[in-house]
Amino acid sequence: MIRPLGSRVLIKMKEGEETTKSGIILASSAQEKPQIAEVIEVGPGEKVDGKLEEMCVKKGDNVIVSKFAGTEVKYEGTDYIIVKQDDILAIVE
């Protein structure tokens, strides 16, 4: 189990589309890197001026992250990324 510290979030990227809307199958090298991820774990937040800053995302949320954000981690055969909450741009509802 990976538990992020501070205002960090453990995410798992969603798989990219393998076919275009017109049905053309793309090679893996031609696929655009997805920016939508699922939140796996959330850190407790950070203290700012002595007060704990709440996290805006929760486990299970689908989020949009900055394209080159975070640190890639492989744990028990699964690829994850640890990002700062500031690198999360939006929650997908």
PDB file of N, CA and C in Angstrom:
ATOM      1  N   MET A   1       0.845  -1.182   0.000  1.00  0.00           N
ATOM      2  CA  MET A   1       0.000   0.000   0.000  1.00  0.00           C
ATOM      3  C   MET A   1       0.886   1.239   0.000  1.00  0.00           C
ATOM      4  N   ILE A   2       0.630   2.151  -0.894  1.00  0.00           N
ATOM      5  CA  ILE A   2       1.347   3.431  -0.957  1.00  0.00           C
ATOM      6  C   ILE A   2       0.433   4.492  -0.359  1.00  0.00           C
ATOM      7  N   ARG A   3       0.940   5.240   0.624  1.00  0.00           N
ATOM      8  CA  ARG A   3       0.178   6.299   1.255  1.00  0.00           C
ATOM      9  C   ARG A   3       0.919   7.611   1.056  1.00  0.00           C
ATOM     10  N   PRO A   4       0.405   8.513   0.221  1.00  0.00           N
ATOM     11  CA  PRO A   4       1.095   9.787  -0.035  1.00  0.00           C
ATOM     12  C   PRO A   4       1.160  10.660   1.228  1.00  0.00           C
ATOM     13  N   LEU A   5       2.193  11.478   1.296  1.00  0.00           N
ATOM     14  CA  LEU A   5       2.366  12.399   2.408  1.00  0.00           C
ATOM     15  C   LEU A   5       2.006  13.818   1.981  1.00  0.00           C
ATOM     16  N   GLY A   6       1.685  14.648   2.937  1.00  0.00           N
ATOM     17  CA  GLY A   6       1.382  16.054   2.650  1.00  0.00           C
ATOM     18  C   GLY A   6       0.214  16.204   1.699  1.00  0.00           C
ATOM     19  N   SER A   7       0.363  17.108   0.752  1.00  0.00           N
ATOM     20  CA  SER A   7      -0.713  17.371  -0.209  1.00  0.00           C
ATOM     21  C   SER A   7      -0.476  16.628  -1.523  1.00  0.00           C
ATOM     22  N   ARG A   8       0.086  15.429  -1.408  1.00  0.00           N
ATOM     23  CA  ARG A   8       0.329  14.612  -2.607  1.00  0.00           C
ATOM     24  C   ARG A   8      -0.808  13.614  -2.811  1.00  0.00           C
ATOM     25  N   VAL A   9      -0.961  13.200  -4.070  1.00  0.00           N
ATOM     26  CA  VAL A   9      -2.049  12.309  -4.459  1.00  0.00           C
ATOM     27  C   VAL A   9      -1.471  11.184  -5.309  1.00  0.00           C
ATOM     28  N   LEU A  10      -1.863   9.954  -5.026  1.00  0.00           N
ATOM     29  CA  LEU A  10      -1.463   8.794  -5.819  1.00  0.00           C
ATOM     30  C   LEU A  10      -2.537   8.563  -6.871  1.00  0.00           C
ATOM     31  N   ILE A  11      -2.127   8.592  -8.153  1.00  0.00           N
ATOM     32  CA  ILE A  11      -3.094   8.422  -9.238  1.00  0.00           C
ATOM     33  C   ILE A  11      -2.663   7.284 -10.162  1.00  0.00           C
ATOM     34  N   LYS A  12      -3.624   6.771 -10.903  1.00  0.00           N
ATOM     35  CA  LYS A  12      -3.356   5.779 -11.944  1.00  0.00           C
ATOM     36  C   LYS A  12      -3.967   6.314 -13.223  1.00  0.00           C
ATOM     37  N   MET A  13      -3.133   6.444 -14.252  1.00  0.00           N
ATOM     38  CA  MET A  13      -3.603   7.006 -15.515  1.00  0.00           C
ATOM     39  C   MET A  13      -4.597   6.062 -16.181  1.00  0.00           C
ATOM     40  N   LYS A  14      -5.615   6.642 -16.801  1.00  0.00           N
ATOM     41  CA  LYS A  14      -6.580   5.870 -17.581  1.00  0.00           C
ATOM     42  C   LYS A  14      -5.926   5.484 -18.894  1.00  0.00           C
ATOM     43  N   GLU A  15      -6.316   4.351 -19.453  1.00  0.00           N
ATOM     44  CA  GLU A  15      -5.767   3.892 -20.734  1.00  0.00           C
ATOM     45  C   GLU A  15      -6.218   4.814 -21.853  1.00  0.00           C
ATOM     46  N   GLY A  16      -5.328   5.089 -22.810  1.00  0.00           N
ATOM     47  CA  GLY A  16      -5.659   5.923 -23.965  1.00  0.00           C
ATOM     48  C   GLY A  16      -6.490   5.161 -24.976  1.00  0.00           C
ATOM     49  N   GLU A  17      -7.171   5.855 -25.812  1.00  0.00           N
ATOM     50  CA  GLU A  17      -7.967   5.238 -26.868  1.00  0.00           C
ATOM     51  C   GLU A  17      -7.049   4.584 -27.890  1.00  0.00           C
ATOM     52  N   GLU A  18      -7.404   3.402 -28.359  1.00  0.00           N
ATOM     53  CA  GLU A  18      -6.601   2.712 -29.360  1.00  0.00           C
ATOM     54  C   GLU A  18      -7.163   2.885 -30.767  1.00  0.00           C
ATOM     55  N   THR A  19      -8.389   3.373 -30.880  1.00  0.00           N
ATOM     56  CA  THR A  19      -8.968   3.620 -32.194  1.00  0.00           C
ATOM     57  C   THR A  19      -9.504   5.046 -32.238  1.00  0.00           C
ATOM     58  N   THR A  20      -9.477   5.637 -33.432  1.00  0.00           N
ATOM     59  CA  THR A  20     -10.029   6.984 -33.598  1.00  0.00           C
ATOM     60  C   THR A  20     -11.532   6.869 -33.747  1.00  0.00           C
ATOM     61  N   LYS A  21     -12.230   8.005 -33.744  1.00  0.00           N
ATOM     62  CA  LYS A  21     -13.680   7.994 -33.908  1.00  0.00           C
ATOM     63  C   LYS A  21     -14.093   7.392 -35.244  1.00  0.00           C
ATOM     64  N   SER A  22     -13.229   7.503 -36.249  1.00  0.00           N
ATOM     65  CA  SER A  22     -13.553   6.947 -37.564  1.00  0.00           C
ATOM     66  C   SER A  22     -13.163   5.471 -37.673  1.00  0.00           C
ATOM     67  N   GLY A  23     -12.629   4.883 -36.590  1.00  0.00           N
ATOM     68  CA  GLY A  23     -12.325   3.461 -36.589  1.00  0.00           C
ATOM     69  C   GLY A  23     -10.898   3.096 -36.945  1.00  0.00           C
ATOM     70  N   ILE A  24     -10.016   4.082 -37.097  1.00  0.00           N
ATOM     71  CA  ILE A  24      -8.618   3.806 -37.430  1.00  0.00           C
ATOM     72  C   ILE A  24      -7.887   3.381 -36.160  1.00  0.00           C
ATOM     73  N   ILE A  25      -7.185   2.256 -36.215  1.00  0.00           N
ATOM     74  CA  ILE A  25      -6.432   1.761 -35.065  1.00  0.00           C
ATOM     75  C   ILE A  25      -5.074   2.445 -35.040  1.00  0.00           C
ATOM     76  N   LEU A  26      -4.725   3.007 -33.888  1.00  0.00           N
ATOM     77  CA  LEU A  26      -3.465   3.723 -33.746  1.00  0.00           C
ATOM     78  C   LEU A  26      -2.399   2.822 -33.129  1.00  0.00           C
ATOM     79  N   ALA A  27      -1.184   2.939 -33.625  1.00  0.00           N
ATOM     80  CA  ALA A  27      -0.056   2.258 -32.993  1.00  0.00           C
ATOM     81  C   ALA A  27       0.193   2.920 -31.648  1.00  0.00           C
ATOM     82  N   SER A  28       0.753   2.179 -30.685  1.00  0.00           N
ATOM     83  CA  SER A  28       0.950   2.736 -29.347  1.00  0.00           C
ATOM     84  C   SER A  28       1.819   3.984 -29.362  1.00  0.00           C
ATOM     85  N   SER A  29       2.757   4.083 -30.287  1.00  0.00           N
ATOM     86  CA  SER A  29       3.618   5.259 -30.358  1.00  0.00           C
ATOM     87  C   SER A  29       2.875   6.487 -30.874  1.00  0.00           C
ATOM     88  N   ALA A  30       1.754   6.284 -31.578  1.00  0.00           N
ATOM     89  CA  ALA A  30       0.997   7.401 -32.135  1.00  0.00           C
ATOM     90  C   ALA A  30      -0.106   7.877 -31.196  1.00  0.00           C
ATOM     91  N   GLN A  31      -0.353   7.131 -30.128  1.00  0.00           N
ATOM     92  CA  GLN A  31      -1.416   7.508 -29.215  1.00  0.00           C
ATOM     93  C   GLN A  31      -1.002   8.708 -28.374  1.00  0.00           C
ATOM     94  N   GLU A  32      -1.955   9.581 -28.151  1.00  0.00           N
ATOM     95  CA  GLU A  32      -1.699  10.743 -27.303  1.00  0.00           C
ATOM     96  C   GLU A  32      -1.715  10.295 -25.847  1.00  0.00           C
ATOM     97  N   LYS A  33      -0.812  10.829 -25.051  1.00  0.00           N
ATOM     98  CA  LYS A  33      -0.753  10.479 -23.638  1.00  0.00           C
ATOM     99  C   LYS A  33      -2.029  10.967 -22.952  1.00  0.00           C
ATOM    100  N   PRO A  34      -2.744  10.073 -22.270  1.00  0.00           N
ATOM    101  CA  PRO A  34      -3.978  10.505 -21.603  1.00  0.00           C
ATOM    102  C   PRO A  34      -3.662  11.428 -20.432  1.00  0.00           C
ATOM    103  N   GLN A  35      -4.579  12.315 -20.121  1.00  0.00           N
ATOM    104  CA  GLN A  35      -4.388  13.219 -19.003  1.00  0.00           C
ATOM    105  C   GLN A  35      -5.429  12.982 -17.920  1.00  0.00           C
ATOM    106  N   ILE A  36      -6.306  11.990 -18.119  1.00  0.00           N
ATOM    107  CA  ILE A  36      -7.326  11.678 -17.128  1.00  0.00           C
ATOM    108  C   ILE A  36      -6.842  10.500 -16.300  1.00  0.00           C
ATOM    109  N   ALA A  37      -6.951  10.652 -14.988  1.00  0.00           N
ATOM    110  CA  ALA A  37      -6.464   9.625 -14.074  1.00  0.00           C
ATOM    111  C   ALA A  37      -7.479   9.389 -12.966  1.00  0.00           C
ATOM    112  N   GLU A  38      -7.360   8.228 -12.341  1.00  0.00           N
ATOM    113  CA  GLU A  38      -8.191   7.898 -11.185  1.00  0.00           C
ATOM    114  C   GLU A  38      -7.367   8.117  -9.923  1.00  0.00           C
ATOM    115  N   VAL A  39      -7.968   8.743  -8.931  1.00  0.00           N
ATOM    116  CA  VAL A  39      -7.304   8.959  -7.649  1.00  0.00           C
ATOM    117  C   VAL A  39      -7.356   7.651  -6.864  1.00  0.00           C
ATOM    118  N   ILE A  40      -6.181   7.134  -6.493  1.00  0.00           N
ATOM    119  CA  ILE A  40      -6.083   5.878  -5.753  1.00  0.00           C
ATOM    120  C   ILE A  40      -5.985   6.137  -4.253  1.00  0.00           C
ATOM    121  N   GLU A  41      -5.140   7.063  -3.844  1.00  0.00           N
ATOM    122  CA  GLU A  41      -4.981   7.447  -2.438  1.00  0.00           C
ATOM    123  C   GLU A  41      -4.697   8.943  -2.349  1.00  0.00           C
ATOM    124  N   VAL A  42      -5.060   9.537  -1.225  1.00  0.00           N
ATOM    125  CA  VAL A  42      -4.885  10.974  -1.009  1.00  0.00           C
ATOM    126  C   VAL A  42      -4.134  11.195   0.303  1.00  0.00           C
ATOM    127  N   GLY A  43      -3.165  12.096   0.270  1.00  0.00           N
ATOM    128  CA  GLY A  43      -2.432  12.448   1.488  1.00  0.00           C
ATOM    129  C   GLY A  43      -3.318  13.232   2.444  1.00  0.00           C
ATOM    130  N   PRO A  44      -2.836  13.468   3.661  1.00  0.00           N
ATOM    131  CA  PRO A  44      -3.638  14.154   4.679  1.00  0.00           C
ATOM    132  C   PRO A  44      -3.764  15.662   4.479  1.00  0.00           C
ATOM    133  N   GLY A  45      -2.958  16.244   3.605  1.00  0.00           N
ATOM    134  CA  GLY A  45      -2.950  17.696   3.419  1.00  0.00           C
ATOM    135  C   GLY A  45      -1.736  18.287   4.109  1.00  0.00           C
ATOM    136  N   GLU A  46      -1.540  19.584   3.950  1.00  0.00           N
ATOM    137  CA  GLU A  46      -0.390  20.262   4.560  1.00  0.00           C
ATOM    138  C   GLU A  46      -0.861  21.381   5.465  1.00  0.00           C
ATOM    139  N   LYS A  47      -0.031  21.689   6.447  1.00  0.00           N
ATOM    140  CA  LYS A  47      -0.343  22.806   7.330  1.00  0.00           C
ATOM    141  C   LYS A  47       0.125  24.106   6.686  1.00  0.00           C
ATOM    142  N   VAL A  48      -0.770  25.075   6.613  1.00  0.00           N
ATOM    143  CA  VAL A  48      -0.459  26.403   6.098  1.00  0.00           C
ATOM    144  C   VAL A  48      -0.852  27.398   7.193  1.00  0.00           C
ATOM    145  N   ASP A  49       0.124  28.144   7.666  1.00  0.00           N
ATOM    146  CA  ASP A  49      -0.093  29.090   8.766  1.00  0.00           C
ATOM    147  C   ASP A  49      -0.718  28.408   9.985  1.00  0.00           C
ATOM    148  N   GLY A  50      -0.289  27.185  10.275  1.00  0.00           N
ATOM    149  CA  GLY A  50      -0.769  26.461  11.448  1.00  0.00           C
ATOM    150  C   GLY A  50      -2.091  25.749  11.284  1.00  0.00           C
ATOM    151  N   LYS A  51      -2.744  25.904  10.128  1.00  0.00           N
ATOM    152  CA  LYS A  51      -4.031  25.246   9.898  1.00  0.00           C
ATOM    153  C   LYS A  51      -3.864  24.188   8.810  1.00  0.00           C
ATOM    154  N   LEU A  52      -4.517  23.044   8.985  1.00  0.00           N
ATOM    155  CA  LEU A  52      -4.447  21.966   8.006  1.00  0.00           C
ATOM    156  C   LEU A  52      -5.277  22.332   6.781  1.00  0.00           C
ATOM    157  N   GLU A  53      -4.639  22.393   5.617  1.00  0.00           N
ATOM    158  CA  GLU A  53      -5.330  22.687   4.364  1.00  0.00           C
ATOM    159  C   GLU A  53      -5.985  21.403   3.871  1.00  0.00           C
ATOM    160  N   GLU A  54      -7.288  21.434   3.665  1.00  0.00           N
ATOM    161  CA  GLU A  54      -8.026  20.252   3.237  1.00  0.00           C
ATOM    162  C   GLU A  54      -7.709  19.886   1.799  1.00  0.00           C
ATOM    163  N   MET A  55      -7.798  18.604   1.506  1.00  0.00           N
ATOM    164  CA  MET A  55      -7.597  18.120   0.145  1.00  0.00           C
ATOM    165  C   MET A  55      -8.899  18.296  -0.637  1.00  0.00           C
ATOM    166  N   CYS A  56      -8.789  18.690  -1.895  1.00  0.00           N
ATOM    167  CA  CYS A  56      -9.962  18.933  -2.737  1.00  0.00           C
ATOM    168  C   CYS A  56     -10.434  17.675  -3.457  1.00  0.00           C
ATOM    169  N   VAL A  57      -9.572  16.665  -3.538  1.00  0.00           N
ATOM    170  CA  VAL A  57      -9.936  15.430  -4.232  1.00  0.00           C
ATOM    171  C   VAL A  57     -10.041  14.299  -3.216  1.00  0.00           C
ATOM    172  N   LYS A  58     -10.762  13.244  -3.618  1.00  0.00           N
ATOM    173  CA  LYS A  58     -10.896  12.085  -2.748  1.00  0.00           C
ATOM    174  C   LYS A  58     -10.681  10.804  -3.550  1.00  0.00           C
ATOM    175  N   LYS A  59     -10.456   9.730  -2.845  1.00  0.00           N
ATOM    176  CA  LYS A  59     -10.230   8.433  -3.464  1.00  0.00           C
ATOM    177  C   LYS A  59     -11.399   8.098  -4.396  1.00  0.00           C
ATOM    178  N   GLY A  60     -11.076   7.652  -5.622  1.00  0.00           N
ATOM    179  CA  GLY A  60     -12.100   7.296  -6.592  1.00  0.00           C
ATOM    180  C   GLY A  60     -12.453   8.386  -7.590  1.00  0.00           C
ATOM    181  N   ASP A  61     -12.047   9.637  -7.331  1.00  0.00           N
ATOM    182  CA  ASP A  61     -12.310  10.735  -8.269  1.00  0.00           C
ATOM    183  C   ASP A  61     -11.540  10.503  -9.565  1.00  0.00           C
ATOM    184  N   ASN A  62     -12.121  10.917 -10.684  1.00  0.00           N
ATOM    185  CA  ASN A  62     -11.404  10.985 -11.956  1.00  0.00           C
ATOM    186  C   ASN A  62     -10.973  12.435 -12.123  1.00  0.00           C
ATOM    187  N   VAL A  63      -9.692  12.634 -12.408  1.00  0.00           N
ATOM    188  CA  VAL A  63      -9.144  13.983 -12.462  1.00  0.00           C
ATOM    189  C   VAL A  63      -8.348  14.197 -13.743  1.00  0.00           C
ATOM    190  N   ILE A  64      -8.165  15.463 -14.092  1.00  0.00           N
ATOM    191  CA  ILE A  64      -7.298  15.852 -15.196  1.00  0.00           C
ATOM    192  C   ILE A  64      -6.036  16.433 -14.568  1.00  0.00           C
ATOM    193  N   VAL A  65      -4.879  15.913 -15.000  1.00  0.00           N
ATOM    194  CA  VAL A  65      -3.610  16.352 -14.426  1.00  0.00           C
ATOM    195  C   VAL A  65      -2.757  17.043 -15.477  1.00  0.00           C
ATOM    196  N   SER A  66      -1.822  17.866 -15.018  1.00  0.00           N
ATOM    197  CA  SER A  66      -0.857  18.487 -15.919  1.00  0.00           C
ATOM    198  C   SER A  66      -0.111  17.396 -16.671  1.00  0.00           C
ATOM    199  N   LYS A  67       0.229  17.663 -17.911  1.00  0.00           N
ATOM    200  CA  LYS A  67       0.793  16.645 -18.798  1.00  0.00           C
ATOM    201  C   LYS A  67       2.083  16.013 -18.292  1.00  0.00           C
ATOM    202  N   PHE A  68       2.992  16.774 -17.744  1.00  0.00           N
ATOM    203  CA  PHE A  68       4.286  16.221 -17.328  1.00  0.00           C
ATOM    204  C   PHE A  68       4.474  16.266 -15.821  1.00  0.00           C
ATOM    205  N   ALA A  69       3.391  16.209 -15.065  1.00  0.00           N
ATOM    206  CA  ALA A  69       3.455  16.324 -13.613  1.00  0.00           C
ATOM    207  C   ALA A  69       3.771  14.985 -12.952  1.00  0.00           C
ATOM    208  N   GLY A  70       4.362  15.063 -11.787  1.00  0.00           N
ATOM    209  CA  GLY A  70       4.473  13.912 -10.917  1.00  0.00           C
ATOM    210  C   GLY A  70       5.699  13.047 -11.070  1.00  0.00           C
ATOM    211  N   THR A  71       5.745  12.050 -10.206  1.00  0.00           N
ATOM    212  CA  THR A  71       6.820  11.072 -10.176  1.00  0.00           C
ATOM    213  C   THR A  71       6.216   9.702 -10.429  1.00  0.00           C
ATOM    214  N   GLU A  72       6.731   9.015 -11.458  1.00  0.00           N
ATOM    215  CA  GLU A  72       6.211   7.695 -11.798  1.00  0.00           C
ATOM    216  C   GLU A  72       6.759   6.660 -10.824  1.00  0.00           C
ATOM    217  N   VAL A  73       5.875   5.750 -10.392  1.00  0.00           N
ATOM    218  CA  VAL A  73       6.222   4.707  -9.438  1.00  0.00           C
ATOM    219  C   VAL A  73       5.612   3.402  -9.919  1.00  0.00           C
ATOM    220  N   LYS A  74       6.385   2.318  -9.864  1.00  0.00           N
ATOM    221  CA  LYS A  74       5.843   0.996 -10.169  1.00  0.00           C
ATOM    222  C   LYS A  74       5.781   0.226  -8.857  1.00  0.00           C
ATOM    223  N   TYR A  75       4.587  -0.256  -8.491  1.00  0.00           N
ATOM    224  CA  TYR A  75       4.387  -0.961  -7.233  1.00  0.00           C
ATOM    225  C   TYR A  75       3.551  -2.200  -7.478  1.00  0.00           C
ATOM    226  N   GLU A  76       4.093  -3.341  -7.144  1.00  0.00           N
ATOM    227  CA  GLU A  76       3.435  -4.631  -7.330  1.00  0.00           C
ATOM    228  C   GLU A  76       2.910  -4.800  -8.759  1.00  0.00           C
ATOM    229  N   GLY A  77       3.742  -4.408  -9.729  1.00  0.00           N
ATOM    230  CA  GLY A  77       3.421  -4.598 -11.135  1.00  0.00           C
ATOM    231  C   GLY A  77       2.477  -3.576 -11.743  1.00  0.00           C
ATOM    232  N   THR A  78       2.075  -2.574 -10.998  1.00  0.00           N
ATOM    233  CA  THR A  78       1.153  -1.549 -11.496  1.00  0.00           C
ATOM    234  C   THR A  78       1.866  -0.205 -11.518  1.00  0.00           C
ATOM    235  N   ASP A  79       1.633   0.574 -12.577  1.00  0.00           N
ATOM    236  CA  ASP A  79       2.230   1.903 -12.720  1.00  0.00           C
ATOM    237  C   ASP A  79       1.328   2.965 -12.103  1.00  0.00           C
ATOM    238  N   TYR A  80       1.907   3.761 -11.231  1.00  0.00           N
ATOM    239  CA  TYR A  80       1.207   4.871 -10.586  1.00  0.00           C
ATOM    240  C   TYR A  80       2.020   6.144 -10.790  1.00  0.00           C
ATOM    241  N   ILE A  81       1.399   7.273 -10.473  1.00  0.00           N
ATOM    242  CA  ILE A  81       2.088   8.556 -10.467  1.00  0.00           C
ATOM    243  C   ILE A  81       1.705   9.273  -9.176  1.00  0.00           C
ATOM    244  N   ILE A  82       2.701   9.839  -8.511  1.00  0.00           N
ATOM    245  CA  ILE A  82       2.438  10.659  -7.330  1.00  0.00           C
ATOM    246  C   ILE A  82       2.568  12.117  -7.758  1.00  0.00           C
ATOM    247  N   VAL A  83       1.477  12.877  -7.590  1.00  0.00           N
ATOM    248  CA  VAL A  83       1.455  14.288  -7.989  1.00  0.00           C
ATOM    249  C   VAL A  83       1.092  15.150  -6.788  1.00  0.00           C
ATOM    250  N   LYS A  84       1.465  16.413  -6.855  1.00  0.00           N
ATOM    251  CA  LYS A  84       1.010  17.376  -5.861  1.00  0.00           C
ATOM    252  C   LYS A  84      -0.421  17.759  -6.214  1.00  0.00           C
ATOM    253  N   GLN A  85      -1.202  18.087  -5.207  1.00  0.00           N
ATOM    254  CA  GLN A  85      -2.579  18.499  -5.464  1.00  0.00           C
ATOM    255  C   GLN A  85      -2.637  19.681  -6.433  1.00  0.00           C
ATOM    256  N   ASP A  86      -1.634  20.551  -6.406  1.00  0.00           N
ATOM    257  CA  ASP A  86      -1.595  21.700  -7.313  1.00  0.00           C
ATOM    258  C   ASP A  86      -1.482  21.302  -8.783  1.00  0.00           C
ATOM    259  N   ASP A  87      -0.991  20.085  -9.072  1.00  0.00           N
ATOM    260  CA  ASP A  87      -0.872  19.611 -10.446  1.00  0.00           C
ATOM    261  C   ASP A  87      -2.165  19.027 -10.985  1.00  0.00           C
ATOM    262  N   ILE A  88      -3.186  18.919 -10.133  1.00  0.00           N
ATOM    263  CA  ILE A  88      -4.507  18.447 -10.568  1.00  0.00           C
ATOM    264  C   ILE A  88      -5.289  19.658 -11.010  1.00  0.00           C
ATOM    265  N   LEU A  89      -5.712  19.627 -12.283  1.00  0.00           N
ATOM    266  CA  LEU A  89      -6.369  20.791 -12.874  1.00  0.00           C
ATOM    267  C   LEU A  89      -7.877  20.803 -12.695  1.00  0.00           C
ATOM    268  N   ALA A  90      -8.494  19.604 -12.679  1.00  0.00           N
ATOM    269  CA  ALA A  90      -9.950  19.548 -12.600  1.00  0.00           C
ATOM    270  C   ALA A  90     -10.401  18.154 -12.181  1.00  0.00           C
ATOM    271  N   ILE A  91     -11.630  18.076 -11.664  1.00  0.00           N
ATOM    272  CA  ILE A  91     -12.274  16.798 -11.357  1.00  0.00           C
ATOM    273  C   ILE A  91     -13.285  16.549 -12.462  1.00  0.00           C
ATOM    274  N   VAL A  92     -13.261  15.339 -13.039  1.00  0.00           N
ATOM    275  CA  VAL A  92     -14.198  14.980 -14.099  1.00  0.00           C
ATOM    276  C   VAL A  92     -15.424  14.350 -13.450  1.00  0.00           C
ATOM    277  N   GLU A  93     -16.601  14.936 -13.701  1.00  0.00           N
ATOM    278  CA  GLU A  93     -17.839  14.397 -13.118  1.00  0.00           C
ATOM    279  C   GLU A  93     -18.706  13.755 -14.167  1.00  0.00           C
TER     280      GLU A  93
END
